[in-house]
PDB file of N, CA and C in Angstrom:
ATOM      1  N   UNK A   1     -57.260  88.870  42.044  1.00  0.00           N
ATOM      2  CA  UNK A   1     -57.878  87.880  41.194  1.00  0.00           C
ATOM      3  C   UNK A   1     -58.438  86.767  42.079  1.00  0.00           C
ATOM      4  N   UNK A   2     -59.676  86.442  41.907  1.00  0.00           N
ATOM      5  CA  UNK A   2     -60.336  85.421  42.720  1.00  0.00           C
ATOM      6  C   UNK A   2     -59.945  84.036  42.222  1.00  0.00           C
ATOM      7  N   UNK A   3     -59.689  83.158  43.177  1.00  0.00           N
ATOM      8  CA  UNK A   3     -59.354  81.785  42.785  1.00  0.00           C
ATOM      9  C   UNK A   3     -60.635  81.022  42.489  1.00  0.00           C
ATOM     10  N   UNK A   4     -60.569  80.223  41.492  1.00  0.00           N
ATOM     11  CA  UNK A   4     -61.741  79.444  41.105  1.00  0.00           C
ATOM     12  C   UNK A   4     -61.583  78.019  41.607  1.00  0.00           C
ATOM     13  N   UNK A   5     -62.591  77.572  42.310  1.00  0.00           N
ATOM     14  CA  UNK A   5     -62.572  76.197  42.790  1.00  0.00           C
ATOM     15  C   UNK A   5     -63.142  75.289  41.706  1.00  0.00           C
ATOM     16  N   UNK A   6     -62.573  74.105  41.575  1.00  0.00           N
ATOM     17  CA  UNK A   6     -63.124  73.193  40.566  1.00  0.00           C
ATOM     18  C   UNK A   6     -64.537  72.774  40.960  1.00  0.00           C
ATOM     19  N   UNK A   7     -65.436  72.864  40.024  1.00  0.00           N
ATOM     20  CA  UNK A   7     -66.819  72.468  40.299  1.00  0.00           C
ATOM     21  C   UNK A   7     -66.932  70.943  40.253  1.00  0.00           C
ATOM     22  N   UNK A   8     -67.831  70.439  41.034  1.00  0.00           N
ATOM     23  CA  UNK A   8     -68.056  68.992  41.066  1.00  0.00           C
ATOM     24  C   UNK A   8     -69.115  68.661  40.033  1.00  0.00           C
ATOM     25  N   UNK A   9     -68.666  68.439  38.838  1.00  0.00           N
ATOM     26  CA  UNK A   9     -69.554  68.174  37.716  1.00  0.00           C
ATOM     27  C   UNK A   9     -69.671  66.664  37.521  1.00  0.00           C
ATOM     28  N   UNK A  10     -70.876  66.094  37.547  1.00  0.00           N
ATOM     29  CA  UNK A  10     -71.014  64.639  37.400  1.00  0.00           C
ATOM     30  C   UNK A  10     -70.762  64.139  35.983  1.00  0.00           C
ATOM     31  N   UNK A  11     -70.675  65.012  35.019  1.00  0.00           N
ATOM     32  CA  UNK A  11     -70.520  64.584  33.634  1.00  0.00           C
ATOM     33  C   UNK A  11     -69.221  63.805  33.383  1.00  0.00           C
ATOM     34  N   UNK A  12     -68.044  64.256  33.885  1.00  0.00           N
ATOM     35  CA  UNK A  12     -66.839  63.445  33.649  1.00  0.00           C
ATOM     36  C   UNK A  12     -66.936  62.054  34.262  1.00  0.00           C
ATOM     37  N   UNK A  13     -67.614  61.924  35.397  1.00  0.00           N
ATOM     38  CA  UNK A  13     -67.758  60.612  36.024  1.00  0.00           C
ATOM     39  C   UNK A  13     -68.576  59.682  35.129  1.00  0.00           C
ATOM     40  N   UNK A  14     -69.623  60.196  34.511  1.00  0.00           N
ATOM     41  CA  UNK A  14     -70.426  59.387  33.605  1.00  0.00           C
ATOM     42  C   UNK A  14     -69.604  58.976  32.395  1.00  0.00           C
ATOM     43  N   UNK A  15     -68.770  59.881  31.918  1.00  0.00           N
ATOM     44  CA  UNK A  15     -67.921  59.574  30.776  1.00  0.00           C
ATOM     45  C   UNK A  15     -66.926  58.478  31.127  1.00  0.00           C
ATOM     46  N   UNK A  16     -66.348  58.549  32.330  1.00  0.00           N
ATOM     47  CA  UNK A  16     -65.411  57.514  32.761  1.00  0.00           C
ATOM     48  C   UNK A  16     -66.102  56.159  32.858  1.00  0.00           C
ATOM     49  N   UNK A  17     -67.320  56.132  33.372  1.00  0.00           N
ATOM     50  CA  UNK A  17     -68.061  54.869  33.472  1.00  0.00           C
ATOM     51  C   UNK A  17     -68.349  54.315  32.081  1.00  0.00           C
ATOM     52  N   UNK A  18     -68.710  55.193  31.158  1.00  0.00           N
ATOM     53  CA  UNK A  18     -68.980  54.755  29.785  1.00  0.00           C
ATOM     54  C   UNK A  18     -67.727  54.138  29.170  1.00  0.00           C
ATOM     55  N   UNK A  19     -66.592  54.794  29.335  1.00  0.00           N
ATOM     56  CA  UNK A  19     -65.346  54.269  28.781  1.00  0.00           C
ATOM     57  C   UNK A  19     -64.949  52.959  29.446  1.00  0.00           C
ATOM     58  N   UNK A  20     -65.147  52.880  30.749  1.00  0.00           N
ATOM     59  CA  UNK A  20     -64.783  51.665  31.481  1.00  0.00           C
ATOM     60  C   UNK A  20     -65.592  50.468  30.985  1.00  0.00           C
ATOM     61  N   UNK A  21     -66.909  50.638  30.882  1.00  0.00           N
ATOM     62  CA  UNK A  21     -67.748  49.518  30.484  1.00  0.00           C
ATOM     63  C   UNK A  21     -67.661  49.241  28.989  1.00  0.00           C
ATOM     64  N   UNK A  22     -67.323  50.237  28.209  1.00  0.00           N
ATOM     65  CA  UNK A  22     -67.059  49.990  26.785  1.00  0.00           C
ATOM     66  C   UNK A  22     -65.811  49.131  26.637  1.00  0.00           C
ATOM     67  N   UNK A  23     -64.802  49.412  27.450  1.00  0.00           N
ATOM     68  CA  UNK A  23     -63.587  48.605  27.436  1.00  0.00           C
ATOM     69  C   UNK A  23     -63.850  47.177  27.868  1.00  0.00           C
ATOM     70  N   UNK A  24     -64.685  47.006  28.891  1.00  0.00           N
ATOM     71  CA  UNK A  24     -65.024  45.652  29.333  1.00  0.00           C
ATOM     72  C   UNK A  24     -65.802  44.892  28.263  1.00  0.00           C
ATOM     73  N   UNK A  25     -66.683  45.584  27.551  1.00  0.00           N
ATOM     74  CA  UNK A  25     -67.439  44.937  26.470  1.00  0.00           C
ATOM     75  C   UNK A  25     -66.503  44.499  25.348  1.00  0.00           C
ATOM     76  N   UNK A  26     -65.540  45.347  25.015  1.00  0.00           N
ATOM     77  CA  UNK A  26     -64.571  44.976  23.984  1.00  0.00           C
ATOM     78  C   UNK A  26     -63.746  43.778  24.430  1.00  0.00           C
ATOM     79  N   UNK A  27     -63.326  43.756  25.692  1.00  0.00           N
ATOM     80  CA  UNK A  27     -62.571  42.616  26.212  1.00  0.00           C
ATOM     81  C   UNK A  27     -63.405  41.342  26.154  1.00  0.00           C
ATOM     82  N   UNK A  28     -64.686  41.446  26.471  1.00  0.00           N
ATOM     83  CA  UNK A  28     -65.578  40.286  26.421  1.00  0.00           C
ATOM     84  C   UNK A  28     -65.644  39.720  25.014  1.00  0.00           C
ATOM     85  N   UNK A  29     -65.880  40.582  24.044  1.00  0.00           N
ATOM     86  CA  UNK A  29     -65.971  40.124  22.655  1.00  0.00           C
ATOM     87  C   UNK A  29     -64.641  39.561  22.159  1.00  0.00           C
ATOM     88  N   UNK A  30     -63.547  40.222  22.506  1.00  0.00           N
ATOM     89  CA  UNK A  30     -62.236  39.753  22.064  1.00  0.00           C
ATOM     90  C   UNK A  30     -61.893  38.401  22.694  1.00  0.00           C
ATOM     91  N   UNK A  31     -62.174  38.242  23.984  1.00  0.00           N
ATOM     92  CA  UNK A  31     -61.858  36.982  24.662  1.00  0.00           C
ATOM     93  C   UNK A  31     -62.662  35.829  24.076  1.00  0.00           C
ATOM     94  N   UNK A  32     -63.958  36.041  23.865  1.00  0.00           N
ATOM     95  CA  UNK A  32     -64.788  34.981  23.287  1.00  0.00           C
ATOM     96  C   UNK A  32     -64.330  34.667  21.869  1.00  0.00           C
ATOM     97  N   UNK A  33     -64.034  35.689  21.091  1.00  0.00           N
ATOM     98  CA  UNK A  33     -63.600  35.479  19.711  1.00  0.00           C
ATOM     99  C   UNK A  33     -62.277  34.749  19.613  1.00  0.00           C
ATOM    100  N   UNK A  34     -61.292  35.198  20.374  1.00  0.00           N
ATOM    101  CA  UNK A  34     -59.953  34.589  20.294  1.00  0.00           C
ATOM    102  C   UNK A  34     -59.976  33.164  20.838  1.00  0.00           C
ATOM    103  N   UNK A  35     -60.590  32.971  22.002  1.00  0.00           N
ATOM    104  CA  UNK A  35     -60.611  31.619  22.566  1.00  0.00           C
ATOM    105  C   UNK A  35     -61.503  30.679  21.759  1.00  0.00           C
ATOM    106  N   UNK A  36     -62.582  31.191  21.199  1.00  0.00           N
ATOM    107  CA  UNK A  36     -63.408  30.365  20.312  1.00  0.00           C
ATOM    108  C   UNK A  36     -62.646  29.942  19.072  1.00  0.00           C
ATOM    109  N   UNK A  37     -61.878  30.867  18.514  1.00  0.00           N
ATOM    110  CA  UNK A  37     -61.064  30.560  17.332  1.00  0.00           C
ATOM    111  C   UNK A  37     -59.980  29.540  17.672  1.00  0.00           C
ATOM    112  N   UNK A  38     -59.325  29.699  18.836  1.00  0.00           N
ATOM    113  CA  UNK A  38     -58.314  28.714  19.240  1.00  0.00           C
ATOM    114  C   UNK A  38     -58.948  27.340  19.466  1.00  0.00           C
ATOM    115  N   UNK A  39     -60.145  27.321  20.039  1.00  0.00           N
ATOM    116  CA  UNK A  39     -60.861  26.058  20.201  1.00  0.00           C
ATOM    117  C   UNK A  39     -61.195  25.420  18.869  1.00  0.00           C
ATOM    118  N   UNK A  40     -61.579  26.247  17.898  1.00  0.00           N
ATOM    119  CA  UNK A  40     -61.864  25.753  16.548  1.00  0.00           C
ATOM    120  C   UNK A  40     -60.610  25.126  15.932  1.00  0.00           C
ATOM    121  N   UNK A  41     -59.477  25.804  16.086  1.00  0.00           N
ATOM    122  CA  UNK A  41     -58.222  25.258  15.552  1.00  0.00           C
ATOM    123  C   UNK A  41     -57.850  23.948  16.235  1.00  0.00           C
ATOM    124  N   UNK A  42     -58.047  23.881  17.547  1.00  0.00           N
ATOM    125  CA  UNK A  42     -57.732  22.655  18.276  1.00  0.00           C
ATOM    126  C   UNK A  42     -58.664  21.518  17.859  1.00  0.00           C
ATOM    127  N   UNK A  43     -59.938  21.819  17.660  1.00  0.00           N
ATOM    128  CA  UNK A  43     -60.877  20.800  17.173  1.00  0.00           C
ATOM    129  C   UNK A  43     -60.466  20.289  15.795  1.00  0.00           C
ATOM    130  N   UNK A  44     -60.055  21.210  14.923  1.00  0.00           N
ATOM    131  CA  UNK A  44     -59.629  20.809  13.579  1.00  0.00           C
ATOM    132  C   UNK A  44     -58.346  19.984  13.643  1.00  0.00           C
ATOM    133  N   UNK A  45     -57.412  20.376  14.508  1.00  0.00           N
ATOM    134  CA  UNK A  45     -56.146  19.656  14.640  1.00  0.00           C
ATOM    135  C   UNK A  45     -56.374  18.232  15.152  1.00  0.00           C
ATOM    136  N   UNK A  46     -57.289  18.088  16.112  1.00  0.00           N
ATOM    137  CA  UNK A  46     -57.564  16.766  16.673  1.00  0.00           C
ATOM    138  C   UNK A  46     -58.546  15.963  15.826  1.00  0.00           C
ATOM    139  N   UNK A  47     -59.140  16.587  14.823  1.00  0.00           N
ATOM    140  CA  UNK A  47     -60.065  15.900  13.934  1.00  0.00           C
ATOM    141  C   UNK A  47     -61.426  15.624  14.550  1.00  0.00           C
ATOM    142  N   UNK A  48     -61.831  16.447  15.487  1.00  0.00           N
ATOM    143  CA  UNK A  48     -63.134  16.259  16.127  1.00  0.00           C
ATOM    144  C   UNK A  48     -64.243  16.797  15.226  1.00  0.00           C
ATOM    145  N   UNK A  49     -65.322  16.037  15.116  1.00  0.00           N
ATOM    146  CA  UNK A  49     -66.452  16.496  14.309  1.00  0.00           C
ATOM    147  C   UNK A  49     -67.357  17.428  15.111  1.00  0.00           C
ATOM    148  N   UNK A  50     -67.418  17.221  16.420  1.00  0.00           N
ATOM    149  CA  UNK A  50     -68.202  18.094  17.298  1.00  0.00           C
ATOM    150  C   UNK A  50     -67.275  19.185  17.835  1.00  0.00           C
ATOM    151  N   UNK A  51     -67.669  20.450  17.804  1.00  0.00           N
ATOM    152  CA  UNK A  51     -66.777  21.546  18.227  1.00  0.00           C
ATOM    153  C   UNK A  51     -66.665  21.658  19.752  1.00  0.00           C
ATOM    154  N   UNK A  52     -66.130  20.617  20.382  1.00  0.00           N
ATOM    155  CA  UNK A  52     -66.081  20.561  21.840  1.00  0.00           C
ATOM    156  C   UNK A  52     -65.197  21.658  22.428  1.00  0.00           C
ATOM    157  N   UNK A  53     -63.980  21.804  21.918  1.00  0.00           N
ATOM    158  CA  UNK A  53     -63.064  22.797  22.476  1.00  0.00           C
ATOM    159  C   UNK A  53     -63.500  24.221  22.152  1.00  0.00           C
ATOM    160  N   UNK A  54     -64.091  24.418  20.988  1.00  0.00           N
ATOM    161  CA  UNK A  54     -64.586  25.749  20.642  1.00  0.00           C
ATOM    162  C   UNK A  54     -65.684  26.165  21.629  1.00  0.00           C
ATOM    163  N   UNK A  55     -66.598  25.269  21.930  1.00  0.00           N
ATOM    164  CA  UNK A  55     -67.658  25.575  22.894  1.00  0.00           C
ATOM    165  C   UNK A  55     -67.098  25.738  24.302  1.00  0.00           C
ATOM    166  N   UNK A  56     -66.196  24.849  24.682  1.00  0.00           N
ATOM    167  CA  UNK A  56     -65.604  24.916  26.014  1.00  0.00           C
ATOM    168  C   UNK A  56     -64.849  26.226  26.216  1.00  0.00           C
ATOM    169  N   UNK A  57     -64.006  26.588  25.262  1.00  0.00           N
ATOM    170  CA  UNK A  57     -63.230  27.826  25.381  1.00  0.00           C
ATOM    171  C   UNK A  57     -64.128  29.057  25.293  1.00  0.00           C
ATOM    172  N   UNK A  58     -65.126  29.024  24.424  1.00  0.00           N
ATOM    173  CA  UNK A  58     -66.040  30.161  24.286  1.00  0.00           C
ATOM    174  C   UNK A  58     -66.840  30.411  25.559  1.00  0.00           C
ATOM    175  N   UNK A  59     -67.429  29.346  26.114  1.00  0.00           N
ATOM    176  CA  UNK A  59     -68.196  29.503  27.351  1.00  0.00           C
ATOM    177  C   UNK A  59     -67.285  29.805  28.537  1.00  0.00           C
ATOM    178  N   UNK A  60     -66.080  29.248  28.526  1.00  0.00           N
ATOM    179  CA  UNK A  60     -65.125  29.570  29.588  1.00  0.00           C
ATOM    180  C   UNK A  60     -64.734  31.038  29.572  1.00  0.00           C
ATOM    181  N   UNK A  61     -64.510  31.578  28.380  1.00  0.00           N
ATOM    182  CA  UNK A  61     -64.189  33.002  28.255  1.00  0.00           C
ATOM    183  C   UNK A  61     -65.363  33.855  28.711  1.00  0.00           C
ATOM    184  N   UNK A  62     -66.575  33.461  28.334  1.00  0.00           N
ATOM    185  CA  UNK A  62     -67.763  34.206  28.746  1.00  0.00           C
ATOM    186  C   UNK A  62     -67.908  34.199  30.268  1.00  0.00           C
ATOM    187  N   UNK A  63     -67.742  33.040  30.877  1.00  0.00           N
ATOM    188  CA  UNK A  63     -67.840  32.939  32.335  1.00  0.00           C
ATOM    189  C   UNK A  63     -66.770  33.751  33.041  1.00  0.00           C
ATOM    190  N   UNK A  64     -65.550  33.688  32.533  1.00  0.00           N
ATOM    191  CA  UNK A  64     -64.467  34.466  33.129  1.00  0.00           C
ATOM    192  C   UNK A  64     -64.696  35.961  33.025  1.00  0.00           C
ATOM    193  N   UNK A  65     -65.200  36.404  31.891  1.00  0.00           N
ATOM    194  CA  UNK A  65     -65.455  37.835  31.722  1.00  0.00           C
ATOM    195  C   UNK A  65     -66.647  38.288  32.568  1.00  0.00           C
ATOM    196  N   UNK A  66     -67.661  37.440  32.733  1.00  0.00           N
ATOM    197  CA  UNK A  66     -68.782  37.809  33.604  1.00  0.00           C
ATOM    198  C   UNK A  66     -68.300  37.961  35.047  1.00  0.00           C
ATOM    199  N   UNK A  67     -67.389  37.094  35.469  1.00  0.00           N
ATOM    200  CA  UNK A  67     -66.810  37.215  36.808  1.00  0.00           C
ATOM    201  C   UNK A  67     -66.017  38.509  36.931  1.00  0.00           C
ATOM    202  N   UNK A  68     -65.260  38.869  35.897  1.00  0.00           N
ATOM    203  CA  UNK A  68     -64.488  40.106  35.924  1.00  0.00           C
ATOM    204  C   UNK A  68     -65.415  41.325  35.981  1.00  0.00           C
ATOM    205  N   UNK A  69     -66.511  41.310  35.246  1.00  0.00           N
ATOM    206  CA  UNK A  69     -67.479  42.411  35.287  1.00  0.00           C
ATOM    207  C   UNK A  69     -68.129  42.478  36.666  1.00  0.00           C
ATOM    208  N   UNK A  70     -68.466  41.343  37.248  1.00  0.00           N
ATOM    209  CA  UNK A  70     -69.041  41.299  38.595  1.00  0.00           C
ATOM    210  C   UNK A  70     -68.091  41.921  39.610  1.00  0.00           C
ATOM    211  N   UNK A  71     -66.811  41.566  39.534  1.00  0.00           N
ATOM    212  CA  UNK A  71     -65.818  42.151  40.442  1.00  0.00           C
ATOM    213  C   UNK A  71     -65.689  43.646  40.232  1.00  0.00           C
ATOM    214  N   UNK A  72     -65.722  44.081  38.987  1.00  0.00           N
ATOM    215  CA  UNK A  72     -65.599  45.502  38.674  1.00  0.00           C
ATOM    216  C   UNK A  72     -66.782  46.291  39.231  1.00  0.00           C
ATOM    217  N   UNK A  73     -67.984  45.758  39.112  1.00  0.00           N
ATOM    218  CA  UNK A  73     -69.168  46.442  39.631  1.00  0.00           C
ATOM    219  C   UNK A  73     -69.125  46.494  41.151  1.00  0.00           C
ATOM    220  N   UNK A  74     -68.738  45.406  41.796  1.00  0.00           N
ATOM    221  CA  UNK A  74     -68.642  45.399  43.259  1.00  0.00           C
ATOM    222  C   UNK A  74     -67.570  46.354  43.755  1.00  0.00           C
ATOM    223  N   UNK A  75     -66.485  46.492  43.029  1.00  0.00           N
ATOM    224  CA  UNK A  75     -65.411  47.408  43.409  1.00  0.00           C
ATOM    225  C   UNK A  75     -65.898  48.854  43.339  1.00  0.00           C
ATOM    226  N   UNK A  76     -66.743  49.157  42.353  1.00  0.00           N
ATOM    227  CA  UNK A  76     -67.280  50.512  42.210  1.00  0.00           C
ATOM    228  C   UNK A  76     -68.243  50.856  43.336  1.00  0.00           C
ATOM    229  N   UNK A  77     -68.991  49.880  43.822  1.00  0.00           N
ATOM    230  CA  UNK A  77     -69.974  50.130  44.874  1.00  0.00           C
ATOM    231  C   UNK A  77     -69.344  50.225  46.250  1.00  0.00           C
ATOM    232  N   UNK A  78     -68.124  49.779  46.402  1.00  0.00           N
ATOM    233  CA  UNK A  78     -67.457  49.820  47.712  1.00  0.00           C
ATOM    234  C   UNK A  78     -66.970  51.199  48.057  1.00  0.00           C
TER     235      UNK A  78
END
């Protein structure tokens, strides 16, 4: 019986990349949503009329996730 060598098929690699970046997109949306909501609650608790903490937390989450995506892309290219 001849042994079969595993073929180097690029399709699973594309699937892994799709799952990886789908997960990062979900994390981005969840982080912005949760931190924006916490900022909204903090603004309401402090009685602020301008949504300062909601904007601060939302943009902070966005910046942090963009940095995480940047690191992830650089790690893949190394």
